[in-house]
Amino acid sequence: MHPNGSSAKTLVKAVTSFKRHPQTTPNAPLYLNGEALKLIGVKLNGKELSEKDYLLTPESLTIHQAPQEFTLEAVTEIFPGANTALEGLYASGPMLCTQCEAEGFRRITFYPDRPDVMAKFTTTIEADKKKYPVLLSNGNCVGREDAGSRHRVKWEDPFPKPCYLFALVAGNLVKIEDNFTTAGNRKVKLEIYCEPGKENQLGHAMISLKSSMKWDEKRFGREYDLDQFMIVAT
């Protein structure tokens, strides 16, 4: 994902691996949800598709003949500053935020936007370092790279989830930090972000976060399974 500014276009390149369910019809069409998206190009297993290979509507992208197992690459443009629906990726002041529950992910890219579709997500965000010095998404941070006036951050979520749980925030943010040691004696990094100048208001939020994580372990036996836990207070 490549944000250029809160009111400018954002380029989204989504690479998705598909495997057909054995009970479905061979070579049946693949239907993907998508709204308020400008399609730039689509490839199937690395081959550029022409308009005769798919059907594009204001609400969907249908690939006419999808093989048993394949990779689909869709490049789209979206416009966060003009997104007044506040679903998908939108501008909140100088920040970019996402709201994907319940059906907002279809405003980011073409995807089977249903809660029963589970997948692992790897997200790379590239943006201007001055406008968006902090780039956050799901999972663990697995890479950072400078690219002149821009920078890239890569996030990897190792656990399958529905797309309505996808999250992304980009902006000028500050944070407070702490750690939580799980019942299994694993240390988790805790970070709570906010706008500059408001970080002195985050103390109670950190106390509440640690208390809730401890309660989850005691009440449900559920131990947090990622390396870090992040909250953005807006």
C-alpha atoms as a PDB file:
ATOM      1  CA  MET A   1       0.000   0.000   0.000  1.00  0.00           C
ATOM      2  CA  HIS A   2       1.395   3.400  -1.024  1.00  0.00           C
ATOM      3  CA  PRO A   3      -0.345   6.445   0.547  1.00  0.00           C
ATOM      4  CA  ASN A   4       0.625   9.773  -1.028  1.00  0.00           C
ATOM      5  CA  GLY A   5      -1.447  12.142   1.110  1.00  0.00           C
ATOM      6  CA  SER A   6      -4.737  12.393   2.969  1.00  0.00           C
ATOM      7  CA  SER A   7      -6.587  13.785  -0.047  1.00  0.00           C
ATOM      8  CA  ALA A   8      -4.470  12.198  -2.779  1.00  0.00           C
ATOM      9  CA  LYS A   9      -4.665   8.748  -4.237  1.00  0.00           C
ATOM     10  CA  THR A  10      -3.345   5.648  -2.523  1.00  0.00           C
ATOM     11  CA  LEU A  11      -2.074   2.782  -4.632  1.00  0.00           C
ATOM     12  CA  VAL A  12      -2.953  -0.693  -3.358  1.00  0.00           C
ATOM     13  CA  LYS A  13      -1.293  -3.829  -4.712  1.00  0.00           C
ATOM     14  CA  ALA A  14      -2.987  -6.954  -3.353  1.00  0.00           C
ATOM     15  CA  VAL A  15      -1.457 -10.377  -4.032  1.00  0.00           C
ATOM     16  CA  THR A  16      -3.783 -13.171  -2.904  1.00  0.00           C
ATOM     17  CA  SER A  17      -3.293 -16.941  -3.099  1.00  0.00           C
ATOM     18  CA  PHE A  18      -6.439 -18.965  -3.807  1.00  0.00           C
ATOM     19  CA  LYS A  19      -7.190 -22.689  -3.686  1.00  0.00           C
ATOM     20  CA  ARG A  20     -10.546 -23.914  -4.912  1.00  0.00           C
ATOM     21  CA  HIS A  21     -12.716 -25.932  -2.525  1.00  0.00           C
ATOM     22  CA  PRO A  22     -12.957 -29.528  -3.837  1.00  0.00           C
ATOM     23  CA  GLN A  23     -16.770 -29.395  -3.845  1.00  0.00           C
ATOM     24  CA  THR A  24     -16.954 -26.416  -6.207  1.00  0.00           C
ATOM     25  CA  THR A  25     -17.267 -26.614  -9.986  1.00  0.00           C
ATOM     26  CA  PRO A  26     -13.913 -26.682 -11.833  1.00  0.00           C
ATOM     27  CA  ASN A  27     -13.047 -23.394 -13.593  1.00  0.00           C
ATOM     28  CA  ALA A  28     -16.091 -21.681 -12.079  1.00  0.00           C
ATOM     29  CA  PRO A  29     -15.920 -17.862 -11.925  1.00  0.00           C
ATOM     30  CA  LEU A  30     -14.307 -16.185  -8.919  1.00  0.00           C
ATOM     31  CA  TYR A  31     -16.442 -13.395  -7.446  1.00  0.00           C
ATOM     32  CA  LEU A  32     -14.663 -10.674  -5.449  1.00  0.00           C
ATOM     33  CA  ASN A  33     -16.277  -7.785  -3.597  1.00  0.00           C
ATOM     34  CA  GLY A  34     -15.026  -4.292  -4.363  1.00  0.00           C
ATOM     35  CA  GLU A  35     -16.526  -0.810  -4.005  1.00  0.00           C
ATOM     36  CA  ALA A  36     -15.226   2.686  -4.833  1.00  0.00           C
ATOM     37  CA  LEU A  37     -12.092   1.177  -6.391  1.00  0.00           C
ATOM     38  CA  LYS A  38     -10.299   2.195  -9.581  1.00  0.00           C
ATOM     39  CA  LEU A  39      -8.833  -0.930 -11.155  1.00  0.00           C
ATOM     40  CA  ILE A  40      -5.382  -0.334 -12.655  1.00  0.00           C
ATOM     41  CA  GLY A  41      -4.519  -3.903 -13.573  1.00  0.00           C
ATOM     42  CA  VAL A  42      -5.056  -7.544 -12.667  1.00  0.00           C
ATOM     43  CA  LYS A  43      -2.804 -10.587 -13.143  1.00  0.00           C
ATOM     44  CA  LEU A  44      -3.499 -14.291 -12.713  1.00  0.00           C
ATOM     45  CA  ASN A  45      -0.385 -16.388 -12.018  1.00  0.00           C
ATOM     46  CA  GLY A  46       1.718 -13.502 -13.320  1.00  0.00           C
ATOM     47  CA  LYS A  47      -0.194 -13.110 -16.606  1.00  0.00           C
ATOM     48  CA  GLU A  48      -1.896  -9.781 -17.269  1.00  0.00           C
ATOM     49  CA  LEU A  49      -5.627 -10.253 -17.834  1.00  0.00           C
ATOM     50  CA  SER A  50      -7.545  -8.386 -20.508  1.00  0.00           C
ATOM     51  CA  GLU A  51     -11.060  -7.020 -20.101  1.00  0.00           C
ATOM     52  CA  LYS A  52     -12.514 -10.131 -21.758  1.00  0.00           C
ATOM     53  CA  ASP A  53     -11.083 -12.254 -18.920  1.00  0.00           C
ATOM     54  CA  TYR A  54     -13.106 -10.559 -16.178  1.00  0.00           C
ATOM     55  CA  LEU A  55     -16.276  -8.619 -15.430  1.00  0.00           C
ATOM     56  CA  LEU A  56     -15.920  -5.348 -13.529  1.00  0.00           C
ATOM     57  CA  THR A  57     -18.940  -3.695 -11.883  1.00  0.00           C
ATOM     58  CA  PRO A  58     -19.218  -0.903  -9.268  1.00  0.00           C
ATOM     59  CA  GLU A  59     -19.575  -3.608  -6.577  1.00  0.00           C
ATOM     60  CA  SER A  60     -17.414  -6.497  -7.779  1.00  0.00           C
ATOM     61  CA  LEU A  61     -14.707  -8.073  -9.897  1.00  0.00           C
ATOM     62  CA  THR A  62     -15.445 -11.504 -11.389  1.00  0.00           C
ATOM     63  CA  ILE A  63     -12.686 -13.611 -12.942  1.00  0.00           C
ATOM     64  CA  HIS A  64     -14.407 -15.713 -15.606  1.00  0.00           C
ATOM     65  CA  GLN A  65     -12.284 -18.860 -15.442  1.00  0.00           C
ATOM     66  CA  ALA A  66     -10.313 -19.429 -12.264  1.00  0.00           C
ATOM     67  CA  PRO A  67      -8.064 -22.522 -12.055  1.00  0.00           C
ATOM     68  CA  GLN A  68      -7.835 -24.953  -9.144  1.00  0.00           C
ATOM     69  CA  GLU A  69      -4.990 -23.081  -7.444  1.00  0.00           C
ATOM     70  CA  PHE A  70      -3.617 -19.675  -8.391  1.00  0.00           C
ATOM     71  CA  THR A  71      -2.296 -16.278  -7.328  1.00  0.00           C
ATOM     72  CA  LEU A  72      -4.239 -13.145  -8.196  1.00  0.00           C
ATOM     73  CA  GLU A  73      -2.587  -9.724  -8.234  1.00  0.00           C
ATOM     74  CA  ALA A  74      -4.892  -6.704  -8.331  1.00  0.00           C
ATOM     75  CA  VAL A  75      -3.646  -3.109  -8.433  1.00  0.00           C
ATOM     76  CA  THR A  76      -6.181  -0.451  -7.495  1.00  0.00           C
ATOM     77  CA  GLU A  77      -6.339   3.234  -6.630  1.00  0.00           C
ATOM     78  CA  ILE A  78      -8.376   4.561  -3.727  1.00  0.00           C
ATOM     79  CA  PHE A  79      -8.903   8.098  -2.448  1.00  0.00           C
ATOM     80  CA  PRO A  80      -8.908   8.269   1.392  1.00  0.00           C
ATOM     81  CA  GLY A  81      -9.546  12.016   1.570  1.00  0.00           C
ATOM     82  CA  ALA A  82     -12.751  11.667  -0.434  1.00  0.00           C
ATOM     83  CA  ASN A  83     -13.962   8.627   1.523  1.00  0.00           C
ATOM     84  CA  THR A  84     -16.845  10.121   3.504  1.00  0.00           C
ATOM     85  CA  ALA A  85     -18.316   6.651   4.134  1.00  0.00           C
ATOM     86  CA  LEU A  86     -15.540   6.163   6.737  1.00  0.00           C
ATOM     87  CA  GLU A  87     -15.247   2.526   5.673  1.00  0.00           C
ATOM     88  CA  GLY A  88     -12.075   1.020   4.294  1.00  0.00           C
ATOM     89  CA  LEU A  89      -9.138   3.467   4.290  1.00  0.00           C
ATOM     90  CA  TYR A  90     -10.094   7.065   5.101  1.00  0.00           C
ATOM     91  CA  ALA A  91      -8.515  10.316   6.270  1.00  0.00           C
ATOM     92  CA  SER A  92      -9.028  11.369   9.891  1.00  0.00           C
ATOM     93  CA  GLY A  93      -7.420  14.787  10.074  1.00  0.00           C
ATOM     94  CA  PRO A  94      -3.754  14.299   9.131  1.00  0.00           C
ATOM     95  CA  MET A  95      -3.944  10.528   9.754  1.00  0.00           C
ATOM     96  CA  LEU A  96      -5.014   7.635   7.564  1.00  0.00           C
ATOM     97  CA  CYS A  97      -7.113   4.988   9.333  1.00  0.00           C
ATOM     98  CA  THR A  98      -9.114   1.907   8.443  1.00  0.00           C
ATOM     99  CA  GLN A  99     -12.567   0.709   9.430  1.00  0.00           C
ATOM    100  CA  CYS A 100     -13.181  -2.724   7.947  1.00  0.00           C
ATOM    101  CA  GLU A 101     -15.916  -4.137  10.174  1.00  0.00           C
ATOM    102  CA  ALA A 102     -18.340  -5.229   8.903  1.00  0.00           C
ATOM    103  CA  GLU A 103     -17.785  -4.815   5.130  1.00  0.00           C
ATOM    104  CA  GLY A 104     -15.167  -2.095   4.781  1.00  0.00           C
ATOM    105  CA  PHE A 105     -12.288  -4.143   3.383  1.00  0.00           C
ATOM    106  CA  ARG A 106     -13.954  -4.202  -0.040  1.00  0.00           C
ATOM    107  CA  ARG A 107     -13.209  -0.457  -0.223  1.00  0.00           C
ATOM    108  CA  ILE A 108      -9.465  -1.195  -0.016  1.00  0.00           C
ATOM    109  CA  THR A 109      -9.083  -3.952  -2.613  1.00  0.00           C
ATOM    110  CA  PHE A 110     -11.000  -6.685  -4.427  1.00  0.00           C
ATOM    111  CA  TYR A 111     -11.492  -9.599  -2.033  1.00  0.00           C
ATOM    112  CA  PRO A 112     -14.083 -12.183  -0.898  1.00  0.00           C
ATOM    113  CA  ASP A 113     -15.269  -9.867   1.888  1.00  0.00           C
ATOM    114  CA  ARG A 114     -17.061 -12.404   4.088  1.00  0.00           C
ATOM    115  CA  PRO A 115     -16.456 -13.390   7.727  1.00  0.00           C
ATOM    116  CA  ASP A 116     -16.069 -17.088   6.849  1.00  0.00           C
ATOM    117  CA  VAL A 117     -13.024 -16.451   4.619  1.00  0.00           C
ATOM    118  CA  MET A 118      -9.905 -16.760   6.775  1.00  0.00           C
ATOM    119  CA  ALA A 119      -6.405 -15.839   5.580  1.00  0.00           C
ATOM    120  CA  LYS A 120      -2.972 -14.804   6.803  1.00  0.00           C
ATOM    121  CA  PHE A 121      -2.094 -11.190   5.990  1.00  0.00           C
ATOM    122  CA  THR A 122       1.302  -9.682   5.169  1.00  0.00           C
ATOM    123  CA  THR A 123       1.166  -5.905   4.714  1.00  0.00           C
ATOM    124  CA  THR A 124       3.848  -3.547   3.406  1.00  0.00           C
ATOM    125  CA  ILE A 125       3.120   0.178   3.771  1.00  0.00           C
ATOM    126  CA  GLU A 126       5.172   2.784   1.904  1.00  0.00           C
ATOM    127  CA  ALA A 127       4.625   6.487   2.579  1.00  0.00           C
ATOM    128  CA  ASP A 128       6.219   9.909   2.953  1.00  0.00           C
ATOM    129  CA  LYS A 129       8.392   9.960   6.085  1.00  0.00           C
ATOM    130  CA  LYS A 130       7.398  13.508   7.109  1.00  0.00           C
ATOM    131  CA  LYS A 131       3.642  13.133   6.606  1.00  0.00           C
ATOM    132  CA  TYR A 132       3.422   9.581   7.927  1.00  0.00           C
ATOM    133  CA  PRO A 133       6.379   8.776  10.206  1.00  0.00           C
ATOM    134  CA  VAL A 134       4.409   5.990  11.939  1.00  0.00           C
ATOM    135  CA  LEU A 135       3.028   3.098   9.847  1.00  0.00           C
ATOM    136  CA  LEU A 136       1.045   0.436  11.720  1.00  0.00           C
ATOM    137  CA  SER A 137      -0.849  -2.700  10.737  1.00  0.00           C
ATOM    138  CA  ASN A 138      -1.775  -6.169  11.995  1.00  0.00           C
ATOM    139  CA  GLY A 139       0.654  -8.678  13.456  1.00  0.00           C
ATOM    140  CA  ASN A 140       4.365  -8.318  14.128  1.00  0.00           C
ATOM    141  CA  CYS A 141       6.717  -5.805  12.529  1.00  0.00           C
ATOM    142  CA  VAL A 142       9.176  -7.847  10.445  1.00  0.00           C
ATOM    143  CA  GLY A 143      10.961  -5.177   8.404  1.00  0.00           C
ATOM    144  CA  ARG A 144      11.743  -1.478   7.979  1.00  0.00           C
ATOM    145  CA  GLU A 145      13.403   0.233   5.033  1.00  0.00           C
ATOM    146  CA  ASP A 146      14.255   3.814   4.091  1.00  0.00           C
ATOM    147  CA  ALA A 147      13.582   4.906   0.509  1.00  0.00           C
ATOM    148  CA  GLY A 148      14.787   8.503   0.295  1.00  0.00           C
ATOM    149  CA  SER A 149      11.939  10.808   1.307  1.00  0.00           C
ATOM    150  CA  ARG A 150       9.731   7.751   1.819  1.00  0.00           C
ATOM    151  CA  HIS A 151       9.936   4.666   4.017  1.00  0.00           C
ATOM    152  CA  ARG A 152       8.478   1.161   4.141  1.00  0.00           C
ATOM    153  CA  VAL A 153       7.303  -0.955   7.051  1.00  0.00           C
ATOM    154  CA  LYS A 154       6.335  -4.615   6.723  1.00  0.00           C
ATOM    155  CA  TRP A 155       3.866  -6.341   9.047  1.00  0.00           C
ATOM    156  CA  GLU A 156       3.152 -10.048   9.198  1.00  0.00           C
ATOM    157  CA  ASP A 157       0.192 -11.628  10.972  1.00  0.00           C
ATOM    158  CA  PRO A 158       0.872 -15.376  11.334  1.00  0.00           C
ATOM    159  CA  PHE A 159      -2.702 -16.304  12.265  1.00  0.00           C
ATOM    160  CA  PRO A 160      -5.610 -16.626   9.789  1.00  0.00           C
ATOM    161  CA  LYS A 161      -8.350 -14.042  10.245  1.00  0.00           C
ATOM    162  CA  PRO A 162     -11.318 -12.568   8.348  1.00  0.00           C
ATOM    163  CA  CYS A 163     -10.612  -9.375   6.449  1.00  0.00           C
ATOM    164  CA  TYR A 164     -12.927  -7.296   8.655  1.00  0.00           C
ATOM    165  CA  LEU A 165     -10.179  -7.505  11.310  1.00  0.00           C
ATOM    166  CA  PHE A 166      -7.608  -5.885   9.008  1.00  0.00           C
ATOM    167  CA  ALA A 167      -6.300  -2.601  10.435  1.00  0.00           C
ATOM    168  CA  LEU A 168      -3.906   0.111   9.283  1.00  0.00           C
ATOM    169  CA  VAL A 169      -2.955   3.521  10.679  1.00  0.00           C
ATOM    170  CA  ALA A 170      -0.486   6.000   9.191  1.00  0.00           C
ATOM    171  CA  GLY A 171       0.334   9.387  10.663  1.00  0.00           C
ATOM    172  CA  ASN A 172       2.392  11.578  12.949  1.00  0.00           C
ATOM    173  CA  LEU A 173       1.931   9.825  16.293  1.00  0.00           C
ATOM    174  CA  VAL A 174       3.703   9.501  19.626  1.00  0.00           C
ATOM    175  CA  LYS A 175       3.456   6.587  22.033  1.00  0.00           C
ATOM    176  CA  ILE A 176       3.951   5.258  25.515  1.00  0.00           C
ATOM    177  CA  GLU A 177       5.425   1.788  25.987  1.00  0.00           C
ATOM    178  CA  ASP A 178       5.337  -0.998  28.528  1.00  0.00           C
ATOM    179  CA  ASN A 179       5.653  -4.779  28.654  1.00  0.00           C
ATOM    180  CA  PHE A 180       3.390  -7.611  29.719  1.00  0.00           C
ATOM    181  CA  THR A 181       4.678 -11.023  30.751  1.00  0.00           C
ATOM    182  CA  THR A 182       2.228 -13.762  29.816  1.00  0.00           C
ATOM    183  CA  ALA A 183       1.349 -16.810  31.894  1.00  0.00           C
ATOM    184  CA  GLY A 184       3.775 -18.737  29.690  1.00  0.00           C
ATOM    185  CA  ASN A 185       6.563 -16.303  30.676  1.00  0.00           C
ATOM    186  CA  ARG A 186       6.702 -14.641  27.245  1.00  0.00           C
ATOM    187  CA  LYS A 187       7.263 -10.885  27.106  1.00  0.00           C
ATOM    188  CA  VAL A 188       4.853  -8.849  24.962  1.00  0.00           C
ATOM    189  CA  LYS A 189       5.621  -5.256  23.978  1.00  0.00           C
ATOM    190  CA  LEU A 190       2.699  -2.878  24.627  1.00  0.00           C
ATOM    191  CA  GLU A 191       2.361   0.397  22.707  1.00  0.00           C
ATOM    192  CA  ILE A 192      -0.394   3.009  22.880  1.00  0.00           C
ATOM    193  CA  TYR A 193      -0.267   5.774  20.251  1.00  0.00           C
ATOM    194  CA  CYS A 194      -1.888   9.211  20.143  1.00  0.00           C
ATOM    195  CA  GLU A 195      -1.480  12.665  18.643  1.00  0.00           C
ATOM    196  CA  PRO A 196       1.580  14.617  19.868  1.00  0.00           C
ATOM    197  CA  GLY A 197       0.927  16.453  23.130  1.00  0.00           C
ATOM    198  CA  LYS A 198      -1.670  14.020  24.457  1.00  0.00           C
ATOM    199  CA  GLU A 199       0.613  11.224  25.602  1.00  0.00           C
ATOM    200  CA  ASN A 200       0.237  12.262  29.256  1.00  0.00           C
ATOM    201  CA  GLN A 201      -3.396  11.109  29.019  1.00  0.00           C
ATOM    202  CA  LEU A 202      -2.532   7.505  28.140  1.00  0.00           C
ATOM    203  CA  GLY A 203      -1.482   6.168  31.537  1.00  0.00           C
ATOM    204  CA  HIS A 204      -4.889   4.819  32.537  1.00  0.00           C
ATOM    205  CA  ALA A 205      -5.293   3.163  29.138  1.00  0.00           C
ATOM    206  CA  MET A 206      -2.051   1.229  29.662  1.00  0.00           C
ATOM    207  CA  ILE A 207      -3.137   0.102  33.135  1.00  0.00           C
ATOM    208  CA  SER A 208      -6.480  -1.037  31.709  1.00  0.00           C
ATOM    209  CA  LEU A 209      -4.786  -2.908  28.862  1.00  0.00           C
ATOM    210  CA  LYS A 210      -2.513  -4.875  31.193  1.00  0.00           C
ATOM    211  CA  SER A 211      -5.415  -5.651  33.517  1.00  0.00           C
ATOM    212  CA  SER A 212      -7.563  -6.924  30.643  1.00  0.00           C
ATOM    213  CA  MET A 213      -4.780  -9.169  29.326  1.00  0.00           C
ATOM    214  CA  LYS A 214      -4.323 -10.655  32.787  1.00  0.00           C
ATOM    215  CA  TRP A 215      -8.096 -11.142  33.119  1.00  0.00           C
ATOM    216  CA  ASP A 216      -8.266 -12.969  29.767  1.00  0.00           C
ATOM    217  CA  GLU A 217      -5.638 -15.414  30.994  1.00  0.00           C
ATOM    218  CA  LYS A 218      -7.308 -15.973  34.349  1.00  0.00           C
ATOM    219  CA  ARG A 219     -10.913 -16.142  33.135  1.00  0.00           C
ATOM    220  CA  PHE A 220     -10.536 -17.883  29.765  1.00  0.00           C
ATOM    221  CA  GLY A 221      -7.010 -19.306  29.795  1.00  0.00           C
ATOM    222  CA  ARG A 222      -6.228 -17.263  26.674  1.00  0.00           C
ATOM    223  CA  GLU A 223      -2.649 -16.077  26.369  1.00  0.00           C
ATOM    224  CA  TYR A 224      -1.790 -13.301  23.911  1.00  0.00           C
ATOM    225  CA  ASP A 225       0.096 -14.858  20.994  1.00  0.00           C
ATOM    226  CA  LEU A 226       1.820 -11.981  19.140  1.00  0.00           C
ATOM    227  CA  ASP A 227       5.052 -10.162  20.006  1.00  0.00           C
ATOM    228  CA  GLN A 228       3.412  -6.767  20.431  1.00  0.00           C
ATOM    229  CA  PHE A 229       0.031  -5.216  21.175  1.00  0.00           C
ATOM    230  CA  MET A 230      -0.802  -1.768  19.797  1.00  0.00           C
ATOM    231  CA  ILE A 231      -3.635   0.681  20.395  1.00  0.00           C
ATOM    232  CA  VAL A 232      -4.184   3.990  18.590  1.00  0.00           C
ATOM    233  CA  ALA A 233      -6.200   6.475  20.655  1.00  0.00           C
ATOM    234  CA  THR A 234      -8.046   8.969  18.453  1.00  0.00           C
END
